[in-house]
Amino acid sequence: MGDRKQARDEEFQSFVIGRWPRLMRTAFLLTGEQHAAEDLVQSTLEQAYVAWRRVGSADDPEAYVRRVMVNAHARKHRRRLREFLARGDDSGLVREVADTGDRIAQADDRSALLKALAQLPPRQREAVVLRYWEDLTETQTAEAMGCSIGSVKSNAAKGIAKLRAIPQLADMVTQGGRQG
């Protein structure tokens, strides 16, 4: 019995080590604040550990954990009428550590993008983050958000439209188009 528990613990530890940066990035993009992201990932991993036998045997454990995280974030938002996304000093926005090879991390105006993302309503932000930043399919995003594909399309389209309406982001895209 002890050997199975130890093997399960090692499997969970390996999962956490391998997925931590991506989970933190997703949580940061959902919450807009470093400490809230850390809390969200920690509470999500606590839930995953308790149910690791079921989570670890799922077809895609990372998708399972991501769904738990999105649900936890949505529950927190429902309890609070107003979500505090970022402090005025933006200190939480500059500390995110991006994965290597992340093209968005290479953008000069990353903080402007993160600020704009933080202004989106939670469901639109979730759809945009999961679809375009995490590069999930519409089906995977719908599963993670617990909604229909149509809701994903609607929320993502509205979120992208709001982002496109921000002049600073439009200038960033225009300047990028001239350089490349």
Protein backbone atom coordinates (compact mmCIF):
# COMPACT_ATOMS: atom_id res chain seq x y z
CA MET A 1 0.00 0.00 0.00
CA GLY A 2 2.84 2.41 0.87
CA ASP A 3 4.58 1.75 -2.45
CA ARG A 4 1.43 2.66 -4.41
CA LYS A 5 1.01 5.90 -2.44
CA GLN A 6 4.67 6.76 -3.00
CA ALA A 7 4.36 6.04 -6.72
CA ARG A 8 1.18 8.17 -6.90
CA ASP A 9 2.94 11.00 -5.02
CA GLU A 10 5.91 10.82 -7.40
CA GLU A 11 3.58 10.87 -10.41
CA PHE A 12 1.78 13.92 -9.01
CA GLN A 13 5.08 15.65 -8.23
CA SER A 14 6.29 15.03 -11.77
CA PHE A 15 3.03 16.43 -13.15
CA VAL A 16 3.32 19.58 -11.03
CA ILE A 17 6.96 20.19 -11.94
CA GLY A 18 6.24 19.75 -15.64
CA ARG A 19 3.09 21.85 -15.75
CA TRP A 20 3.78 24.57 -13.15
CA PRO A 21 4.89 27.35 -15.57
CA ARG A 22 1.91 26.84 -17.88
CA LEU A 23 -0.58 26.59 -15.00
CA MET A 24 0.86 29.77 -13.47
CA ARG A 25 0.65 31.60 -16.78
CA THR A 26 -2.97 30.60 -17.28
CA ALA A 27 -3.87 31.51 -13.70
CA PHE A 28 -2.10 34.86 -14.03
CA LEU A 29 -3.97 35.66 -17.21
CA LEU A 30 -7.27 34.70 -15.59
CA THR A 31 -6.71 36.69 -12.39
CA GLY A 32 -4.48 39.51 -13.61
CA GLU A 33 -2.47 39.46 -10.37
CA GLN A 34 0.56 37.38 -9.38
CA HIS A 35 -0.48 36.51 -5.82
CA ALA A 36 -4.03 35.62 -6.85
CA ALA A 37 -2.60 33.42 -9.60
CA GLU A 38 -0.35 31.61 -7.11
CA ASP A 39 -3.32 31.07 -4.78
CA LEU A 40 -5.46 29.79 -7.66
CA VAL A 41 -2.82 27.30 -8.81
CA GLN A 42 -2.18 26.12 -5.25
CA SER A 43 -5.86 25.54 -4.49
CA THR A 44 -6.32 23.82 -7.85
CA LEU A 45 -3.38 21.50 -7.21
CA GLU A 46 -4.71 20.71 -3.73
CA GLN A 47 -7.95 19.54 -5.31
CA ALA A 48 -6.06 17.61 -7.98
CA TYR A 49 -3.88 15.87 -5.40
CA VAL A 50 -6.86 14.71 -3.37
CA ALA A 51 -8.40 13.23 -6.54
CA TRP A 52 -5.11 12.28 -8.21
CA ARG A 53 -6.14 8.66 -8.77
CA ARG A 54 -8.99 9.91 -10.97
CA VAL A 55 -7.10 12.91 -12.41
CA GLY A 56 -3.94 10.95 -13.25
CA SER A 57 -5.91 8.29 -15.08
CA ALA A 58 -7.86 10.83 -17.18
CA ASP A 59 -7.18 10.97 -20.93
CA ASP A 60 -5.62 14.43 -20.51
CA PRO A 61 -4.72 15.24 -16.87
CA GLU A 62 -3.61 18.75 -17.80
CA ALA A 63 -7.01 19.52 -19.34
CA TYR A 64 -8.70 18.09 -16.25
CA VAL A 65 -6.62 20.32 -13.94
CA ARG A 66 -7.17 23.34 -16.20
CA ARG A 67 -10.92 22.76 -15.97
CA VAL A 68 -10.68 22.60 -12.16
CA MET A 69 -8.75 25.90 -12.24
CA VAL A 70 -11.24 27.68 -14.51
CA ASN A 71 -14.12 26.45 -12.34
CA ALA A 72 -12.37 27.62 -9.16
CA HIS A 73 -11.77 31.03 -10.70
CA ALA A 74 -15.39 31.27 -11.86
CA ARG A 75 -16.68 30.32 -8.38
CA LYS A 76 -14.53 32.98 -6.79
CA HIS A 77 -15.79 35.56 -9.26
CA ARG A 78 -19.42 34.64 -8.68
CA ARG A 79 -18.97 35.10 -4.93
CA ARG A 80 -17.44 38.53 -5.37
CA LEU A 81 -19.44 41.08 -7.31
CA ARG A 82 -16.34 42.92 -8.32
CA GLU A 83 -13.03 41.28 -9.08
CA PHE A 84 -9.83 43.14 -8.29
CA LEU A 85 -7.72 42.49 -11.37
CA ALA A 86 -4.53 44.50 -10.94
CA ARG A 87 -3.03 47.02 -8.56
CA GLY A 88 -2.50 50.57 -9.78
CA ASP A 89 1.28 50.24 -9.62
CA ASP A 90 1.22 47.32 -12.11
CA SER A 91 3.81 45.44 -10.04
CA GLY A 92 1.88 42.20 -10.53
CA LEU A 93 1.91 42.60 -14.30
CA VAL A 94 5.65 42.71 -14.81
CA ARG A 95 6.62 39.65 -12.78
CA GLU A 96 5.07 36.95 -14.94
CA VAL A 97 7.69 34.51 -16.19
CA ALA A 98 6.83 33.35 -19.68
CA ASP A 99 7.58 29.95 -21.11
CA THR A 100 10.61 29.84 -23.38
CA GLY A 101 9.55 30.18 -26.99
CA ASP A 102 6.42 32.17 -26.06
CA ARG A 103 6.09 34.68 -28.92
CA ILE A 104 3.79 36.92 -26.91
CA ALA A 105 6.51 37.18 -24.24
CA GLN A 106 8.77 38.73 -26.87
CA ALA A 107 6.42 41.64 -27.54
CA ASP A 108 7.70 45.03 -26.41
CA ASP A 109 4.23 46.07 -25.32
CA ARG A 110 3.44 43.01 -23.21
CA SER A 111 2.28 45.09 -20.25
CA ALA A 112 -0.20 46.97 -22.46
CA LEU A 113 -1.63 43.66 -23.64
CA LEU A 114 -1.91 42.33 -20.09
CA LYS A 115 -3.61 45.52 -18.89
CA ALA A 116 -6.09 45.33 -21.76
CA LEU A 117 -6.74 41.66 -21.05
CA ALA A 118 -7.42 42.49 -17.40
CA GLN A 119 -10.16 44.91 -18.49
CA LEU A 120 -12.23 42.18 -20.16
CA PRO A 121 -15.17 40.65 -18.29
CA PRO A 122 -14.19 37.29 -16.73
CA ARG A 123 -15.90 34.97 -19.26
CA GLN A 124 -14.50 36.90 -22.23
CA ARG A 125 -11.05 36.91 -20.61
CA GLU A 126 -11.28 33.13 -20.01
CA ALA A 127 -12.27 32.50 -23.63
CA VAL A 128 -9.52 34.73 -25.04
CA VAL A 129 -6.85 33.32 -22.73
CA LEU A 130 -7.71 29.69 -23.36
CA ARG A 131 -8.34 30.02 -27.12
CA TYR A 132 -5.60 32.40 -28.19
CA TRP A 133 -2.97 32.46 -25.47
CA GLU A 134 -3.14 28.80 -24.48
CA ASP A 135 -3.94 27.84 -28.10
CA LEU A 136 -6.73 25.43 -27.19
CA THR A 137 -9.32 24.36 -29.74
CA GLU A 138 -12.88 25.62 -29.40
CA THR A 139 -13.89 22.20 -28.08
CA GLN A 140 -11.10 22.13 -25.48
CA THR A 141 -11.93 25.68 -24.42
CA ALA A 142 -15.62 24.82 -24.08
CA GLU A 143 -14.72 21.82 -21.93
CA ALA A 144 -12.41 23.92 -19.75
CA MET A 145 -15.02 26.66 -19.32
CA GLY A 146 -17.93 24.26 -18.90
CA CYS A 147 -20.00 25.83 -21.65
CA SER A 148 -20.99 25.30 -25.27
CA ILE A 149 -18.75 25.89 -28.27
CA GLY A 150 -21.11 28.70 -29.28
CA SER A 151 -20.51 30.45 -25.96
CA VAL A 152 -16.77 30.14 -26.48
CA LYS A 153 -17.08 31.65 -29.97
CA SER A 154 -19.30 34.47 -28.72
CA ASN A 155 -17.16 35.33 -25.68
CA ALA A 156 -13.91 35.09 -27.63
CA ALA A 157 -15.25 37.27 -30.47
CA LYS A 158 -16.53 39.91 -28.05
CA GLY A 159 -13.26 39.86 -26.12
CA ILE A 160 -11.13 40.18 -29.26
CA ALA A 161 -13.36 43.01 -30.52
CA LYS A 162 -12.84 44.89 -27.24
CA LEU A 163 -9.09 44.34 -27.44
CA ARG A 164 -9.02 45.58 -31.04
CA ALA A 165 -10.87 48.73 -29.98
CA ILE A 166 -8.02 49.77 -27.66
CA PRO A 167 -5.92 52.32 -29.59
CA GLN A 168 -2.61 51.36 -27.96
CA LEU A 169 -3.05 47.73 -29.03
CA ALA A 170 -4.11 48.75 -32.54
CA ASP A 171 -0.93 50.86 -32.81
CA MET A 172 1.12 47.89 -31.62
CA VAL A 173 -0.33 45.64 -34.33
CA THR A 174 0.11 48.31 -37.01
CA GLN A 175 3.75 48.92 -36.03
CA GLY A 176 4.40 45.17 -35.91
CA GLY A 177 2.92 44.79 -39.40
CA ARG A 178 5.30 47.38 -40.84
CA GLN A 179 8.37 45.77 -39.28
CA GLY A 180 7.66 42.21 -40.44
